[in-house]
Amino acid sequence: MSTGLKVIVQEQDDRLVLLTVAGALDHDTSAVLLEQATAAMGTPHHLVLDMSGVTFCDSSGLNTLLRLNRHTRADHTALTLVAVPAQLRRLLRITGTDTVLTLRDNLAEARAVHDRT
């Protein structure tokens, strides 16, 4: 059973948007993340997902992250996941997805990469 998902969108500047994600990212909630992230992709060149509040992620959530990655690449937008919890990091490593998605330890690291582009 899903515990819900909360997504807070914060525009950092005209080129970077931060989405803070909290709760379970699963079959029941993954559409919420995809919808919010897709809506936030309008102008910025960098979309950052703060995953520190994610308590659970299943294959549906993983699929959503991969779909979002495809959408951002097609839109010429960079996608970075920051503060990825151990359970999700393990899932990404086991599936090899950690080589497809860009992961950073914190927002400062993501911003430093963003500022260089």
Protein backbone atom coordinates (compact mmCIF):
# COMPACT_ATOMS: atom_id res chain seq x y z
CA MET A 1 0.00 0.00 0.00
CA SER A 2 1.28 3.42 -0.95
CA THR A 3 2.00 6.05 1.65
CA GLY A 4 1.62 8.83 -0.89
CA LEU A 5 4.02 11.12 -2.64
CA LYS A 6 4.55 14.84 -2.22
CA VAL A 7 6.33 16.92 -4.86
CA ILE A 8 7.26 20.52 -4.17
CA VAL A 9 8.42 22.61 -7.13
CA GLN A 10 10.84 25.47 -6.42
CA GLU A 11 12.27 27.60 -9.20
CA GLN A 12 15.87 28.37 -8.29
CA ASP A 13 16.49 30.68 -11.23
CA ASP A 14 15.47 30.94 -14.88
CA ARG A 15 17.59 27.91 -15.81
CA LEU A 16 17.21 25.53 -12.83
CA VAL A 17 14.13 24.07 -11.16
CA LEU A 18 14.31 21.99 -7.99
CA LEU A 19 11.64 19.39 -7.23
CA THR A 20 11.67 18.04 -3.68
CA VAL A 21 10.21 14.54 -3.66
CA ALA A 22 8.95 12.89 -0.46
CA GLY A 23 7.14 9.62 0.22
CA ALA A 24 6.74 6.39 -1.72
CA LEU A 25 7.49 6.41 -5.44
CA ASP A 26 5.47 3.46 -6.68
CA HIS A 27 2.69 2.29 -8.99
CA ASP A 28 0.11 4.46 -7.22
CA THR A 29 2.17 7.66 -7.09
CA SER A 30 4.71 7.72 -9.92
CA ALA A 31 2.32 9.57 -12.26
CA VAL A 32 2.35 12.50 -9.79
CA LEU A 33 6.12 12.89 -10.15
CA LEU A 34 6.02 12.55 -13.93
CA GLU A 35 3.24 15.13 -14.21
CA GLN A 36 4.88 17.67 -11.88
CA ALA A 37 8.34 17.26 -13.43
CA THR A 38 7.05 17.46 -16.99
CA ALA A 39 5.12 20.63 -16.15
CA ALA A 40 8.28 22.15 -14.64
CA MET A 41 10.35 21.51 -17.78
CA GLY A 42 9.01 24.49 -19.70
CA THR A 43 11.93 26.92 -19.51
CA PRO A 44 14.83 25.57 -17.45
CA HIS A 45 17.82 23.78 -18.83
CA HIS A 46 18.33 21.84 -15.61
CA LEU A 47 15.80 19.87 -13.59
CA VAL A 48 17.01 18.71 -10.17
CA LEU A 49 15.10 16.13 -8.11
CA ASP A 50 15.88 16.16 -4.38
CA MET A 51 15.19 12.52 -3.55
CA SER A 52 16.15 12.71 0.15
CA GLY A 53 12.55 12.26 1.27
CA VAL A 54 11.82 9.18 -0.85
CA THR A 55 10.97 6.34 1.53
CA PHE A 56 10.36 3.62 -1.07
CA CYS A 57 10.75 3.08 -4.79
CA ASP A 58 9.53 0.09 -6.80
CA SER A 59 9.88 -0.82 -10.47
CA SER A 60 7.10 1.64 -11.41
CA GLY A 61 9.00 4.45 -9.74
CA LEU A 62 12.21 3.37 -11.45
CA ASN A 63 10.41 3.31 -14.80
CA THR A 64 9.11 6.82 -14.13
CA LEU A 65 12.64 8.10 -13.48
CA LEU A 66 13.79 6.54 -16.77
CA ARG A 67 10.82 8.01 -18.66
CA LEU A 68 11.54 11.41 -17.15
CA ASN A 69 15.18 11.06 -18.19
CA ARG A 70 14.08 10.39 -21.80
CA HIS A 71 11.68 13.36 -21.72
CA THR A 72 14.33 15.73 -20.40
CA ARG A 73 16.92 14.61 -22.97
CA ALA A 74 14.40 15.09 -25.79
CA ASP A 75 13.66 18.56 -24.39
CA HIS A 76 17.39 19.41 -24.10
CA THR A 77 17.02 19.64 -20.33
CA ALA A 78 19.51 18.12 -17.89
CA LEU A 79 18.11 15.88 -15.16
CA THR A 80 19.99 15.37 -11.90
CA LEU A 81 18.96 13.35 -8.85
CA VAL A 82 20.42 14.57 -5.55
CA ALA A 83 20.50 13.14 -2.03
CA VAL A 84 19.37 9.70 -3.22
CA PRO A 85 18.55 7.48 -0.19
CA ALA A 86 20.42 4.20 0.30
CA GLN A 87 17.47 1.96 -0.72
CA LEU A 88 16.95 3.83 -3.98
CA ARG A 89 20.69 4.09 -4.67
CA ARG A 90 20.91 0.30 -4.25
CA LEU A 91 18.02 -0.23 -6.68
CA LEU A 92 19.69 2.07 -9.21
CA ARG A 93 23.02 0.24 -8.81
CA ILE A 94 21.50 -3.27 -9.11
CA THR A 95 19.58 -2.34 -12.26
CA GLY A 96 22.48 -0.42 -13.80
CA THR A 97 20.34 2.68 -13.89
CA ASP A 98 22.95 4.59 -11.90
CA THR A 99 24.99 4.70 -15.12
CA VAL A 100 22.08 6.24 -17.05
CA LEU A 101 20.85 8.82 -14.54
CA THR A 102 23.01 11.65 -13.20
CA LEU A 103 23.39 11.40 -9.41
CA ARG A 104 24.91 13.98 -7.09
CA ASP A 105 25.23 13.99 -3.32
CA ASN A 106 23.60 17.38 -2.81
CA LEU A 107 22.16 20.46 -4.47
CA ALA A 108 25.46 22.34 -4.25
CA GLU A 109 27.15 19.68 -6.42
CA ALA A 110 24.28 19.72 -8.92
CA ARG A 111 24.38 23.52 -9.06
CA ALA A 112 28.18 23.52 -9.59
CA VAL A 113 27.75 21.25 -12.62
CA HIS A 114 24.83 23.39 -13.82
CA ASP A 115 26.83 26.60 -13.47
CA ARG A 116 29.63 25.19 -15.64
CA THR A 117 27.24 24.51 -18.55
